[in-house]
Amino acid sequence: MRIIAAKTGGLGANLTAAGAASGGIVGGLIGAGIDARSSGGMNKKTLEYSQMTPDQMIARDKKNFEIPFAMIQSVEMKQPGFMGQGEIKVKMQGKDYRFMLDTSKEIFAQYIQTFNQSLPGRVFVK
C-alpha cells in the first residue's frame, strides 16, 4: 500500500491511498472533494487521475510522488472547520508532508476512515 500525491492544479495536491489487491486498485481519492467543492464538480485533471493506475499517476507529472505505507510513522489529521481547511500531515523518519484540503466534514470523515483502516494505531485526529 502507498499514498500517491498528484498535482491537480493551483497549489493543491490530490492524494490517493492506493495499493494492489486481487489484481485491482484499492483506495480512496482524496482531493476530488477539493475540486468538487471549489468548482462545482471535478476538474479535468482530477477526472483523468481517477481513471489512472497509481503508476500512471506518478509518471504523469514530475511533481507527483508516492509515500509507501511501511515508511509512515504517523498521520495527523485536523478536521475542517466552518471556514477552515482540513489538514493531513504524514510523518516519516526525516521528512513530513502536509496537505491542506478544502473539503466538507463528511468527505473528510471518509478520509479518516480510509487512513485508520490502512494504518491502524498510527492515525491521530484533532
N, C-alpha and C. Protein backbone atom coordinates (compact mmCIF):
# COMPACT_ATOMS: atom_id res chain seq x y z
N MET A 1 0.85 -1.19 0.00
CA MET A 1 0.00 0.00 0.00
C MET A 1 0.88 1.23 0.00
N ARG A 2 0.33 2.29 -0.57
CA ARG A 2 1.07 3.54 -0.64
C ARG A 2 0.10 4.70 -0.83
N ILE A 3 0.62 5.87 -0.59
CA ILE A 3 -0.12 7.10 -0.85
C ILE A 3 0.49 7.71 -2.10
N ILE A 4 -0.34 8.16 -3.00
CA ILE A 4 0.11 8.86 -4.19
C ILE A 4 -0.32 10.32 -4.05
N ALA A 5 0.63 11.23 -4.15
CA ALA A 5 0.32 12.66 -4.16
C ALA A 5 0.45 13.13 -5.60
N ALA A 6 -0.64 13.64 -6.15
CA ALA A 6 -0.66 14.06 -7.55
C ALA A 6 -1.18 15.48 -7.66
N LYS A 7 -0.46 16.31 -8.36
CA LYS A 7 -0.84 17.71 -8.52
C LYS A 7 -2.03 17.81 -9.47
N THR A 8 -3.07 18.51 -9.02
CA THR A 8 -4.27 18.66 -9.86
C THR A 8 -4.47 20.08 -10.34
N GLY A 9 -3.60 20.99 -9.93
CA GLY A 9 -3.73 22.38 -10.35
C GLY A 9 -3.59 23.30 -9.17
N GLY A 10 -3.31 24.54 -9.44
CA GLY A 10 -3.15 25.52 -8.38
C GLY A 10 -2.10 25.10 -7.39
N LEU A 11 -2.35 25.36 -6.13
CA LEU A 11 -1.41 25.00 -5.07
C LEU A 11 -1.75 23.67 -4.43
N GLY A 12 -2.93 23.11 -4.73
CA GLY A 12 -3.39 21.90 -4.06
C GLY A 12 -2.80 20.63 -4.64
N ALA A 13 -2.78 19.62 -3.81
CA ALA A 13 -2.37 18.29 -4.28
C ALA A 13 -3.54 17.36 -4.07
N ASN A 14 -3.59 16.34 -4.86
CA ASN A 14 -4.61 15.33 -4.75
C ASN A 14 -3.92 14.10 -4.19
N LEU A 15 -4.48 13.50 -3.19
CA LEU A 15 -3.87 12.32 -2.57
C LEU A 15 -4.70 11.10 -2.91
N THR A 16 -4.05 10.02 -3.21
CA THR A 16 -4.74 8.76 -3.39
C THR A 16 -4.08 7.73 -2.50
N ALA A 17 -4.85 7.07 -1.66
CA ALA A 17 -4.32 5.95 -0.89
C ALA A 17 -4.58 4.73 -1.76
N ALA A 18 -3.52 4.12 -2.24
CA ALA A 18 -3.71 3.06 -3.23
C ALA A 18 -2.80 1.87 -2.97
N GLY A 19 -3.26 0.73 -3.40
CA GLY A 19 -2.48 -0.50 -3.30
C GLY A 19 -3.12 -1.57 -4.15
N ALA A 20 -2.39 -2.59 -4.45
CA ALA A 20 -2.94 -3.66 -5.29
C ALA A 20 -3.55 -4.74 -4.42
N ALA A 21 -4.72 -5.19 -4.77
CA ALA A 21 -5.39 -6.29 -4.06
C ALA A 21 -6.27 -7.00 -5.06
N SER A 22 -6.11 -8.29 -5.17
CA SER A 22 -6.89 -9.10 -6.11
C SER A 22 -6.80 -8.56 -7.53
N GLY A 23 -5.64 -8.03 -7.88
CA GLY A 23 -5.43 -7.55 -9.24
C GLY A 23 -6.02 -6.17 -9.50
N GLY A 24 -6.62 -5.55 -8.51
CA GLY A 24 -7.22 -4.25 -8.73
C GLY A 24 -6.62 -3.19 -7.83
N ILE A 25 -7.06 -1.99 -7.99
CA ILE A 25 -6.57 -0.88 -7.18
C ILE A 25 -7.58 -0.62 -6.06
N VAL A 26 -7.07 -0.50 -4.85
CA VAL A 26 -7.89 -0.25 -3.68
C VAL A 26 -7.55 1.13 -3.17
N GLY A 27 -8.52 1.92 -2.78
CA GLY A 27 -8.18 3.20 -2.18
C GLY A 27 -9.28 4.22 -2.34
N GLY A 28 -9.04 5.35 -1.77
CA GLY A 28 -10.00 6.44 -1.85
C GLY A 28 -9.31 7.65 -2.45
N LEU A 29 -9.97 8.34 -3.34
CA LEU A 29 -9.39 9.51 -3.97
C LEU A 29 -9.59 10.70 -3.05
N ILE A 30 -8.50 11.17 -2.50
CA ILE A 30 -8.55 12.33 -1.61
C ILE A 30 -8.15 13.53 -2.43
N GLY A 31 -9.02 14.48 -2.50
CA GLY A 31 -8.76 15.65 -3.32
C GLY A 31 -9.87 15.86 -4.32
N ALA A 32 -10.60 14.81 -4.65
CA ALA A 32 -11.75 15.00 -5.52
C ALA A 32 -12.72 15.96 -4.82
N GLY A 33 -12.76 15.85 -3.50
CA GLY A 33 -13.60 16.76 -2.72
C GLY A 33 -13.16 18.20 -2.83
N ILE A 34 -11.86 18.41 -3.00
CA ILE A 34 -11.34 19.77 -3.17
C ILE A 34 -11.96 20.37 -4.42
N ASP A 35 -11.84 19.66 -5.53
CA ASP A 35 -12.33 20.18 -6.79
C ASP A 35 -13.85 20.27 -6.82
N ALA A 36 -14.53 19.25 -6.29
CA ALA A 36 -15.98 19.23 -6.32
C ALA A 36 -16.54 20.40 -5.54
N ARG A 37 -15.91 20.73 -4.42
CA ARG A 37 -16.44 21.80 -3.58
C ARG A 37 -16.11 23.18 -4.14
N SER A 38 -14.91 23.34 -4.68
CA SER A 38 -14.50 24.67 -5.12
C SER A 38 -14.98 25.02 -6.51
N SER A 39 -15.22 24.04 -7.37
CA SER A 39 -15.59 24.37 -8.74
C SER A 39 -16.96 23.83 -9.15
N GLY A 40 -17.67 23.21 -8.23
CA GLY A 40 -18.98 22.67 -8.56
C GLY A 40 -18.90 21.32 -9.26
N GLY A 41 -17.75 20.73 -9.33
CA GLY A 41 -17.55 19.42 -9.96
C GLY A 41 -16.07 19.14 -10.08
N MET A 42 -15.71 17.92 -10.41
CA MET A 42 -14.30 17.58 -10.55
C MET A 42 -13.67 18.35 -11.70
N ASN A 43 -12.42 18.81 -11.49
CA ASN A 43 -11.76 19.44 -12.62
C ASN A 43 -11.25 18.36 -13.56
N LYS A 44 -10.83 18.78 -14.74
CA LYS A 44 -10.43 17.84 -15.79
C LYS A 44 -9.28 16.94 -15.32
N LYS A 45 -8.29 17.50 -14.65
CA LYS A 45 -7.12 16.72 -14.23
C LYS A 45 -7.51 15.68 -13.17
N THR A 46 -8.37 16.05 -12.24
CA THR A 46 -8.80 15.09 -11.22
C THR A 46 -9.57 13.95 -11.87
N LEU A 47 -10.42 14.26 -12.82
CA LEU A 47 -11.17 13.23 -13.52
C LEU A 47 -10.22 12.28 -14.27
N GLU A 48 -9.20 12.84 -14.90
CA GLU A 48 -8.21 12.00 -15.59
C GLU A 48 -7.49 11.09 -14.60
N TYR A 49 -7.07 11.63 -13.46
CA TYR A 49 -6.37 10.84 -12.45
C TYR A 49 -7.26 9.72 -11.91
N SER A 50 -8.55 9.97 -11.81
CA SER A 50 -9.44 8.95 -11.25
C SER A 50 -9.53 7.72 -12.16
N GLN A 51 -9.09 7.86 -13.39
CA GLN A 51 -9.14 6.75 -14.35
C GLN A 51 -7.77 6.11 -14.59
N MET A 52 -6.76 6.52 -13.80
CA MET A 52 -5.39 6.02 -13.98
C MET A 52 -5.00 5.07 -12.85
N THR A 53 -4.00 4.26 -13.14
CA THR A 53 -3.38 3.45 -12.09
C THR A 53 -2.42 4.35 -11.31
N PRO A 54 -2.04 3.96 -10.08
CA PRO A 54 -1.07 4.77 -9.34
C PRO A 54 0.23 5.02 -10.10
N ASP A 55 0.75 4.02 -10.79
CA ASP A 55 1.99 4.20 -11.55
C ASP A 55 1.82 5.20 -12.68
N GLN A 56 0.67 5.19 -13.32
CA GLN A 56 0.40 6.18 -14.37
C GLN A 56 0.31 7.59 -13.79
N MET A 57 -0.27 7.69 -12.58
CA MET A 57 -0.38 8.99 -11.94
C MET A 57 1.00 9.56 -11.62
N ILE A 58 1.88 8.72 -11.10
CA ILE A 58 3.24 9.17 -10.77
C ILE A 58 3.97 9.63 -12.03
N ALA A 59 3.83 8.89 -13.11
CA ALA A 59 4.53 9.21 -14.35
C ALA A 59 3.97 10.46 -15.04
N ARG A 60 2.75 10.82 -14.71
CA ARG A 60 2.06 11.93 -15.38
C ARG A 60 2.72 13.29 -15.16
N ASP A 61 3.28 13.53 -13.97
CA ASP A 61 3.84 14.84 -13.64
C ASP A 61 5.05 14.63 -12.73
N LYS A 62 6.14 15.34 -12.99
CA LYS A 62 7.35 15.16 -12.18
C LYS A 62 7.15 15.61 -10.74
N LYS A 63 6.10 16.36 -10.46
CA LYS A 63 5.81 16.79 -9.08
C LYS A 63 5.01 15.74 -8.31
N ASN A 64 4.49 14.73 -8.99
CA ASN A 64 3.75 13.66 -8.32
C ASN A 64 4.73 12.72 -7.65
N PHE A 65 4.32 12.12 -6.52
CA PHE A 65 5.22 11.22 -5.81
C PHE A 65 4.43 10.21 -4.99
N GLU A 66 5.14 9.21 -4.48
CA GLU A 66 4.50 8.18 -3.66
C GLU A 66 5.12 8.16 -2.27
N ILE A 67 4.31 7.72 -1.31
CA ILE A 67 4.77 7.52 0.07
C ILE A 67 4.34 6.10 0.46
N PRO A 68 5.28 5.16 0.55
CA PRO A 68 4.93 3.79 0.96
C PRO A 68 4.41 3.76 2.40
N PHE A 69 3.31 3.04 2.64
CA PHE A 69 2.73 2.95 3.98
C PHE A 69 3.74 2.45 5.00
N ALA A 70 4.63 1.56 4.58
CA ALA A 70 5.61 0.99 5.51
C ALA A 70 6.55 2.05 6.07
N MET A 71 6.70 3.17 5.38
CA MET A 71 7.61 4.23 5.82
C MET A 71 6.92 5.29 6.68
N ILE A 72 5.60 5.21 6.79
CA ILE A 72 4.84 6.22 7.53
C ILE A 72 4.88 5.90 9.02
N GLN A 73 5.35 6.88 9.81
CA GLN A 73 5.36 6.72 11.26
C GLN A 73 4.01 7.07 11.85
N SER A 74 3.40 8.16 11.35
CA SER A 74 2.09 8.56 11.84
C SER A 74 1.43 9.51 10.84
N VAL A 75 0.11 9.65 11.00
CA VAL A 75 -0.67 10.58 10.20
C VAL A 75 -1.50 11.41 11.18
N GLU A 76 -1.32 12.72 11.12
CA GLU A 76 -2.11 13.63 11.95
C GLU A 76 -3.14 14.29 11.04
N MET A 77 -4.40 14.24 11.47
CA MET A 77 -5.48 14.78 10.66
C MET A 77 -6.25 15.81 11.46
N LYS A 78 -6.39 16.98 10.89
CA LYS A 78 -7.17 18.05 11.52
C LYS A 78 -8.41 18.27 10.66
N GLN A 79 -9.57 18.08 11.27
CA GLN A 79 -10.83 18.20 10.54
C GLN A 79 -11.08 19.64 10.12
N PRO A 80 -11.75 19.83 8.99
CA PRO A 80 -12.07 21.19 8.54
C PRO A 80 -13.08 21.83 9.48
N GLY A 81 -12.92 23.13 9.65
CA GLY A 81 -13.87 23.89 10.46
C GLY A 81 -14.91 24.54 9.57
N PHE A 82 -15.69 25.41 10.16
CA PHE A 82 -16.75 26.08 9.40
C PHE A 82 -16.17 26.86 8.22
N MET A 83 -15.08 27.56 8.44
CA MET A 83 -14.46 28.35 7.38
C MET A 83 -13.04 27.87 7.05
N GLY A 84 -12.55 26.86 7.74
CA GLY A 84 -11.17 26.44 7.56
C GLY A 84 -11.03 25.16 6.77
N GLN A 85 -9.80 24.90 6.36
CA GLN A 85 -9.49 23.70 5.61
C GLN A 85 -9.15 22.55 6.54
N GLY A 86 -9.30 21.34 6.03
CA GLY A 86 -8.80 20.17 6.73
C GLY A 86 -7.32 20.03 6.43
N GLU A 87 -6.64 19.29 7.28
CA GLU A 87 -5.19 19.13 7.10
C GLU A 87 -4.81 17.67 7.35
N ILE A 88 -3.93 17.16 6.52
CA ILE A 88 -3.37 15.83 6.71
C ILE A 88 -1.86 15.99 6.73
N LYS A 89 -1.24 15.57 7.83
CA LYS A 89 0.21 15.63 7.96
C LYS A 89 0.73 14.19 8.06
N VAL A 90 1.53 13.81 7.09
CA VAL A 90 2.11 12.47 7.04
C VAL A 90 3.54 12.58 7.55
N LYS A 91 3.83 11.86 8.64
CA LYS A 91 5.16 11.94 9.25
C LYS A 91 5.96 10.67 8.95
N MET A 92 7.17 10.91 8.47
CA MET A 92 8.10 9.83 8.18
C MET A 92 9.42 10.17 8.87
N GLN A 93 10.29 9.21 8.98
CA GLN A 93 11.59 9.50 9.57
C GLN A 93 12.35 10.44 8.64
N GLY A 94 12.64 11.63 9.15
CA GLY A 94 13.42 12.60 8.38
C GLY A 94 12.62 13.46 7.42
N LYS A 95 11.32 13.24 7.26
CA LYS A 95 10.54 14.03 6.31
C LYS A 95 9.07 14.00 6.67
N ASP A 96 8.43 15.16 6.58
CA ASP A 96 6.99 15.27 6.80
C ASP A 96 6.36 15.87 5.55
N TYR A 97 5.14 15.45 5.27
CA TYR A 97 4.36 16.02 4.17
C TYR A 97 3.08 16.59 4.77
N ARG A 98 2.69 17.76 4.29
CA ARG A 98 1.48 18.42 4.80
C ARG A 98 0.58 18.75 3.62
N PHE A 99 -0.68 18.32 3.72
CA PHE A 99 -1.65 18.56 2.67
C PHE A 99 -2.86 19.29 3.26
N MET A 100 -3.23 20.41 2.64
CA MET A 100 -4.40 21.16 3.05
C MET A 100 -5.55 20.79 2.11
N LEU A 101 -6.70 20.47 2.69
CA LEU A 101 -7.84 20.02 1.89
C LEU A 101 -9.06 20.90 2.16
N ASP A 102 -9.55 21.52 1.11
CA ASP A 102 -10.77 22.32 1.20
C ASP A 102 -11.94 21.41 0.87
N THR A 103 -12.44 20.74 1.89
CA THR A 103 -13.50 19.75 1.68
C THR A 103 -14.47 19.77 2.85
N SER A 104 -15.57 19.10 2.70
CA SER A 104 -16.58 19.06 3.76
C SER A 104 -16.17 18.10 4.87
N LYS A 105 -16.79 18.25 6.02
CA LYS A 105 -16.53 17.34 7.15
C LYS A 105 -16.94 15.92 6.80
N GLU A 106 -18.00 15.76 6.01
CA GLU A 106 -18.47 14.43 5.64
C GLU A 106 -17.45 13.70 4.77
N ILE A 107 -16.91 14.39 3.80
CA ILE A 107 -15.89 13.78 2.93
C ILE A 107 -14.62 13.53 3.72
N PHE A 108 -14.24 14.46 4.58
CA PHE A 108 -13.04 14.29 5.39
C PHE A 108 -13.17 13.08 6.31
N ALA A 109 -14.37 12.82 6.82
CA ALA A 109 -14.61 11.64 7.67
C ALA A 109 -14.29 10.36 6.91
N GLN A 110 -14.56 10.34 5.61
CA GLN A 110 -14.21 9.18 4.79
C GLN A 110 -12.70 9.01 4.70
N TYR A 111 -11.97 10.12 4.63
CA TYR A 111 -10.51 10.06 4.59
C TYR A 111 -9.96 9.49 5.89
N ILE A 112 -10.56 9.91 7.00
CA ILE A 112 -10.14 9.41 8.31
C ILE A 112 -10.34 7.90 8.37
N GLN A 113 -11.48 7.44 7.91
CA GLN A 113 -11.79 6.01 7.92
C GLN A 113 -10.79 5.24 7.05
N THR A 114 -10.49 5.76 5.87
CA THR A 114 -9.54 5.09 4.96
C THR A 114 -8.17 4.97 5.60
N PHE A 115 -7.68 6.06 6.19
CA PHE A 115 -6.36 6.02 6.84
C PHE A 115 -6.36 5.10 8.06
N ASN A 116 -7.42 5.14 8.87
CA ASN A 116 -7.50 4.27 10.04
C ASN A 116 -7.48 2.79 9.65
N GLN A 117 -8.15 2.44 8.57
CA GLN A 117 -8.16 1.06 8.12
C GLN A 117 -6.79 0.63 7.60
N SER A 118 -6.10 1.53 6.93
CA SER A 118 -4.82 1.20 6.31
C SER A 118 -3.64 1.32 7.26
N LEU A 119 -3.75 2.20 8.25
CA LEU A 119 -2.64 2.46 9.19
C LEU A 119 -3.14 2.42 10.63
N PRO A 120 -3.65 1.28 11.09
CA PRO A 120 -4.20 1.21 12.45
C PRO A 120 -3.16 1.58 13.50
N GLY A 121 -3.59 2.42 14.45
CA GLY A 121 -2.71 2.84 15.54
C GLY A 121 -1.76 3.95 15.19
N ARG A 122 -1.75 4.38 13.93
CA ARG A 122 -0.82 5.44 13.52
C ARG A 122 -1.54 6.71 13.06
N VAL A 123 -2.87 6.76 13.21
CA VAL A 123 -3.66 7.90 12.78
C VAL A 123 -4.20 8.64 13.99
N PHE A 124 -3.96 9.95 14.02
CA PHE A 124 -4.39 10.79 15.14
C PHE A 124 -5.21 11.94 14.60
N VAL A 125 -6.44 12.08 15.10
CA VAL A 125 -7.36 13.10 14.61
C VAL A 125 -7.53 14.18 15.66
N LYS A 126 -7.41 15.43 15.24
CA LYS A 126 -7.58 16.57 16.15
C LYS A 126 -8.96 17.15 15.97
